[in-house]
C-alpha cells in the first residue's frame, strides 16, 4: 500500500534578501523534532525563494516604455507593472482589461509572468515580486545544501501557483526541481489488459507540488515549506525545465 505524508513546517520567519533558505529549513525541521531521511522531498513556496534571491522590485524604480504604456492602457494596469511583465516574458499571448497572458522566459504560460504583489512587503511605495532567475539552479543549490547537512538523498521542489488553460482556479506546480524524477514516461509499456501505452507521461513533480501546496496554503497560512515523505530515493535527478511542452507541439498557437 502506498503511503505519502505531507508535513508543513510552522514558524518559518519572514524571508529577507540573502537569507540562507537551507538553514531556515533545517531549523524549522529541528523545531518539529524532524530529521531528513533518504527519499524525503522538501517543497518550498516560490515566494520565499524569490525573496531570498532579491527578486523584490520597487515599482518606483521602473520606467515604462511605449509598449508597456500602450498595453497598460488596454488592460487597465499600472504601466510600471506591465513593464516588468514584458521584461520577464518572451511573448504576449493574450490581453484584455485586467488580464495579460504571456509566455514567461522560463517557458510557463500564464497571467502576468508570475509576478505577484500579495503577501510581500510594500515599503516606500508599491513593490512586485518576480520569479527566481533560474528556479532549477535554485533547487539544485538547496538540494546540495540539505543533502550535505543531513547526509541523506533528498529532493527539492520550488512550487508556485499556476493557471491552467480551460480550468478555473490555480494549482500548485513545480517551477524548480532537483533530486527527483520529474516525468515518469510510461509510453511503450502495457496497461492492465496488455494494451500498449501510447501517450502516458506522468508529471510527478507537479503532482507532488500540488499536494504540498494544498497543505501549505496560498494566502495567510504562513507555512511556506513542506516535507513530503513516503517516496523511495530517486535515481533520476530531474529538472522542472523538462515539463515545458516544446513550442512545435503547441496546438493552440
Protein backbone atom coordinates (compact mmCIF):
# COMPACT_ATOMS: atom_id res chain seq x y z
CA UNK A 1 0.00 0.00 0.00
CA UNK A 2 1.33 3.43 -0.96
CA UNK A 3 1.53 5.93 1.87
CA UNK A 4 2.55 9.56 1.41
CA UNK A 5 2.75 12.11 4.20
CA UNK A 6 2.89 15.91 3.87
CA UNK A 7 4.03 17.88 6.92
CA UNK A 8 4.06 21.66 6.83
CA UNK A 9 6.77 23.41 8.85
CA UNK A 10 5.44 26.27 11.00
CA UNK A 11 7.19 29.36 12.33
CA UNK A 12 9.42 29.94 9.31
CA UNK A 13 10.42 33.61 9.73
CA UNK A 14 9.74 36.22 7.08
CA UNK A 15 12.47 35.79 4.50
CA UNK A 16 14.78 38.65 3.57
CA UNK A 17 17.24 39.07 0.68
CA UNK A 18 20.36 37.00 1.27
CA UNK A 19 18.77 34.64 3.81
CA UNK A 20 20.09 31.06 3.89
CA UNK A 21 17.00 29.03 2.99
CA UNK A 22 18.64 25.68 3.71
CA UNK A 23 19.47 26.87 7.23
CA UNK A 24 15.89 28.10 7.70
CA UNK A 25 14.52 24.72 6.57
CA UNK A 26 16.86 22.77 8.85
CA UNK A 27 15.95 24.99 11.81
CA UNK A 28 12.23 24.52 11.09
CA UNK A 29 12.71 20.75 10.97
CA UNK A 30 14.62 20.80 14.26
CA UNK A 31 11.83 22.75 15.98
CA UNK A 32 9.43 19.97 15.00
CA UNK A 33 11.96 17.32 16.07
CA UNK A 34 12.19 16.04 12.50
CA UNK A 35 15.25 14.88 10.59
CA UNK A 36 15.64 14.41 6.86
CA UNK A 37 15.76 10.82 5.62
CA UNK A 38 16.55 9.26 2.23
CA UNK A 39 13.74 9.91 -0.24
CA UNK A 40 12.33 12.98 1.52
CA UNK A 41 11.26 15.85 -0.72
CA UNK A 42 11.31 19.42 0.59
CA UNK A 43 8.83 21.72 -1.13
CA UNK A 44 9.32 25.48 -0.84
CA UNK A 45 6.93 28.19 -1.95
CA UNK A 46 8.35 30.27 -4.76
CA UNK A 47 7.83 33.47 -2.79
CA UNK A 48 10.45 32.71 -0.17
CA UNK A 49 12.98 31.66 -2.80
CA UNK A 50 12.39 34.86 -4.76
CA UNK A 51 12.66 36.97 -1.61
CA UNK A 52 15.92 35.31 -0.56
CA UNK A 53 17.33 35.90 -4.04
CA UNK A 54 16.44 39.61 -4.01
CA UNK A 55 13.72 39.48 -6.65
CA UNK A 56 11.57 42.11 -4.92
CA UNK A 57 11.35 45.21 -7.13
CA UNK A 58 10.12 48.67 -6.20
CA UNK A 59 7.75 49.99 -8.87
CA UNK A 60 9.22 53.44 -8.27
CA UNK A 61 12.45 52.15 -9.85
CA UNK A 62 10.71 51.09 -13.10
CA UNK A 63 10.39 53.37 -16.13
CA UNK A 64 7.75 52.01 -18.54
CA UNK A 65 8.39 52.16 -22.26
CA UNK A 66 5.96 52.86 -25.07
CA UNK A 67 4.87 49.22 -25.43
CA UNK A 68 4.21 48.94 -21.69
CA UNK A 69 2.21 52.17 -21.63
CA UNK A 70 0.07 51.07 -24.57
CA UNK A 71 -0.56 47.62 -23.09
CA UNK A 72 -1.30 49.15 -19.68
CA UNK A 73 -3.95 51.37 -21.24
CA UNK A 74 -5.61 48.36 -22.90
CA UNK A 75 -5.56 46.24 -19.74
CA UNK A 76 -6.15 48.90 -17.07
CA UNK A 77 -2.92 48.03 -15.28
CA UNK A 78 -0.06 50.04 -13.81
CA UNK A 79 2.37 50.70 -16.67
CA UNK A 80 5.34 50.04 -14.38
CA UNK A 81 3.99 46.59 -13.53
CA UNK A 82 3.35 45.93 -17.21
CA UNK A 83 6.96 46.82 -18.00
CA UNK A 84 8.12 44.18 -15.52
CA UNK A 85 5.76 41.66 -17.11
CA UNK A 86 7.23 42.40 -20.54
CA UNK A 87 10.78 42.20 -19.23
CA UNK A 88 10.08 38.74 -17.76
CA UNK A 89 8.28 37.40 -20.85
CA UNK A 90 9.22 36.10 -24.25
CA UNK A 91 5.78 36.65 -25.79
CA UNK A 92 2.43 38.28 -25.03
CA UNK A 93 -0.25 35.77 -26.00
CA UNK A 94 -3.49 37.50 -24.98
CA UNK A 95 -4.53 40.72 -23.29
CA UNK A 96 -7.81 42.20 -22.17
CA UNK A 97 -8.86 44.52 -19.33
CA UNK A 98 -7.44 43.10 -16.12
CA UNK A 99 -5.56 40.20 -17.71
CA UNK A 100 -2.26 39.75 -19.56
CA UNK A 101 -1.38 36.19 -20.58
CA UNK A 102 2.26 35.69 -21.51
CA UNK A 103 4.86 33.06 -22.13
CA UNK A 104 7.41 33.56 -19.38
CA UNK A 105 11.10 33.47 -20.29
CA UNK A 106 11.24 30.11 -18.42
CA UNK A 107 8.51 28.70 -20.67
CA UNK A 108 5.48 28.88 -18.37
CA UNK A 109 2.27 30.25 -19.90
CA UNK A 110 0.08 32.20 -17.50
CA UNK A 111 -1.02 35.54 -16.17
CA UNK A 112 1.34 38.42 -15.50
CA UNK A 113 4.58 36.41 -15.89
CA UNK A 114 4.12 35.01 -12.39
CA UNK A 115 4.70 38.46 -10.89
CA UNK A 116 2.91 38.86 -7.57
CA UNK A 117 2.09 41.72 -5.22
CA UNK A 118 0.36 39.74 -2.46
CA UNK A 119 1.97 38.68 0.83
CA UNK A 120 5.02 40.86 0.22
CA UNK A 121 6.31 43.96 1.96
CA UNK A 122 5.26 47.29 0.44
CA UNK A 123 7.69 49.80 1.93
CA UNK A 124 8.07 53.28 0.46
CA UNK A 125 5.56 52.56 -2.29
CA UNK A 126 4.36 49.53 -4.20
CA UNK A 127 6.60 46.57 -4.89
CA UNK A 128 6.37 43.43 -7.01
CA UNK A 129 7.96 40.00 -6.62
CA UNK A 130 9.44 38.29 -9.69
CA UNK A 131 10.08 34.59 -10.15
CA UNK A 132 13.63 33.36 -9.43
CA UNK A 133 16.01 33.89 -12.35
CA UNK A 134 16.74 30.16 -12.58
CA UNK A 135 14.47 28.10 -10.29
CA UNK A 136 16.11 24.80 -11.27
CA UNK A 137 19.51 26.14 -10.26
CA UNK A 138 17.99 27.40 -7.01
CA UNK A 139 16.59 23.91 -6.34
CA UNK A 140 19.99 22.32 -7.02
CA UNK A 141 21.72 24.64 -4.53
CA UNK A 142 19.10 23.90 -1.87
CA UNK A 143 19.23 20.15 -2.53
CA UNK A 144 23.02 20.14 -2.26
CA UNK A 145 22.99 22.11 1.00
CA UNK A 146 20.28 19.96 2.59
CA UNK A 147 21.90 16.73 1.44
CA UNK A 148 25.30 17.79 2.75
CA UNK A 149 23.88 18.83 6.12
CA UNK A 150 21.77 15.69 6.56
CA UNK A 151 23.86 13.07 4.80
CA UNK A 152 20.68 11.93 3.03
CA UNK A 153 19.50 11.77 -0.58
CA UNK A 154 16.70 14.31 -0.69
CA UNK A 155 14.77 16.13 -3.40
CA UNK A 156 13.71 19.76 -3.62
CA UNK A 157 10.75 21.30 -5.41
CA UNK A 158 10.11 25.02 -5.74
CA UNK A 159 6.35 25.38 -6.15
CA UNK A 160 4.24 28.23 -7.49
CA UNK A 161 0.53 28.74 -8.02
CA UNK A 162 -0.08 28.23 -11.75
CA UNK A 163 -3.02 28.90 -14.02
CA UNK A 164 -4.34 26.07 -16.19
CA UNK A 165 -5.97 26.50 -19.61
CA UNK A 166 -9.73 25.85 -19.59
CA UNK A 167 -9.77 25.30 -15.81
CA UNK A 168 -10.77 27.76 -13.10
CA UNK A 169 -8.51 28.35 -10.12
CA UNK A 170 -4.81 27.95 -9.54
CA UNK A 171 -2.94 24.78 -8.70
CA UNK A 172 0.48 24.30 -7.20
CA UNK A 173 3.06 23.41 -9.83
CA UNK A 174 6.80 22.79 -9.92
CA UNK A 175 8.95 25.59 -11.36
CA UNK A 176 12.23 24.31 -9.93
CA UNK A 177 13.35 20.73 -9.20
CA UNK A 178 16.38 18.76 -8.10
CA UNK A 179 16.91 15.24 -6.81
CA UNK A 180 13.77 13.57 -8.15
CA UNK A 181 12.29 12.13 -11.32
CA UNK A 182 10.16 14.90 -12.80
CA UNK A 183 8.42 12.95 -15.57
CA UNK A 184 7.57 9.24 -15.42
CA UNK A 185 7.42 8.11 -19.06
CA UNK A 186 5.20 5.03 -19.34
CA UNK A 187 4.96 5.10 -23.14
CA UNK A 188 5.74 1.73 -24.66
CA UNK A 189 4.57 -0.15 -21.60
CA UNK A 190 1.28 -2.01 -21.24
CA UNK A 191 -1.92 -1.35 -19.34
CA UNK A 192 -3.66 -3.97 -17.16
CA UNK A 193 -5.09 -5.65 -20.24
CA UNK A 194 -1.90 -5.76 -22.29
CA UNK A 195 -2.70 -2.74 -24.44
CA UNK A 196 0.34 -0.65 -25.33
CA UNK A 197 0.50 2.77 -23.65
CA UNK A 198 0.93 5.42 -26.34
CA UNK A 199 0.82 8.77 -24.55
CA UNK A 200 1.08 8.14 -20.79
CA UNK A 201 3.58 10.64 -19.37
CA UNK A 202 3.07 11.18 -15.64
CA UNK A 203 4.09 14.56 -14.23
CA UNK A 204 5.36 13.55 -10.79
CA UNK A 205 6.79 16.96 -9.91
CA UNK A 206 3.58 18.90 -10.46
CA UNK A 207 1.56 16.24 -8.61
CA UNK A 208 3.85 16.50 -5.57
CA UNK A 209 3.88 20.31 -5.77
CA UNK A 210 0.07 20.42 -5.91
CA UNK A 211 -0.25 18.13 -2.91
CA UNK A 212 2.25 20.12 -0.87
CA UNK A 213 0.78 23.48 -1.88
CA UNK A 214 -2.67 22.32 -0.79
CA UNK A 215 -1.22 21.61 2.65
CA UNK A 216 0.91 24.78 2.82
CA UNK A 217 -1.93 27.07 1.73
CA UNK A 218 -1.76 30.01 -0.66
CA UNK A 219 -2.96 33.05 1.32
CA UNK A 220 -2.42 33.78 5.02
CA UNK A 221 -1.32 30.41 6.39
CA UNK A 222 2.34 31.40 6.76
CA UNK A 223 3.69 27.88 6.13
CA UNK A 224 5.86 28.18 3.00
CA UNK A 225 7.77 24.92 3.48
CA UNK A 226 6.53 21.32 3.49
CA UNK A 227 8.18 17.95 3.93
CA UNK A 228 6.84 15.18 1.67
CA UNK A 229 7.70 11.69 2.89
CA UNK A 230 6.97 8.24 1.50
CA UNK A 231 8.98 8.09 -1.72
CA UNK A 232 11.97 5.85 -2.26
CA UNK A 233 15.22 7.71 -3.04
CA UNK A 234 15.25 8.74 -6.69
CA UNK A 235 17.94 7.57 -9.08
CA UNK A 236 16.94 10.32 -11.52
CA UNK A 237 17.97 13.92 -10.91
CA UNK A 238 15.40 15.81 -12.98
CA UNK A 239 14.66 19.47 -13.61
CA UNK A 240 11.41 21.42 -13.92
CA UNK A 241 12.50 22.60 -17.36
CA UNK A 242 11.65 19.09 -18.60
CA UNK A 243 7.94 19.87 -18.05
CA UNK A 244 7.79 22.61 -20.66
CA UNK A 245 5.96 21.49 -23.80
CA UNK A 246 8.03 22.28 -26.92
CA UNK A 247 6.65 25.19 -28.93
CA UNK A 248 6.35 22.97 -32.01
CA UNK A 249 3.84 20.84 -30.08
CA UNK A 250 1.65 23.80 -29.08
CA UNK A 251 -1.65 23.17 -30.91
CA UNK A 252 -3.16 26.46 -29.74
CA UNK A 253 -0.70 28.85 -31.37
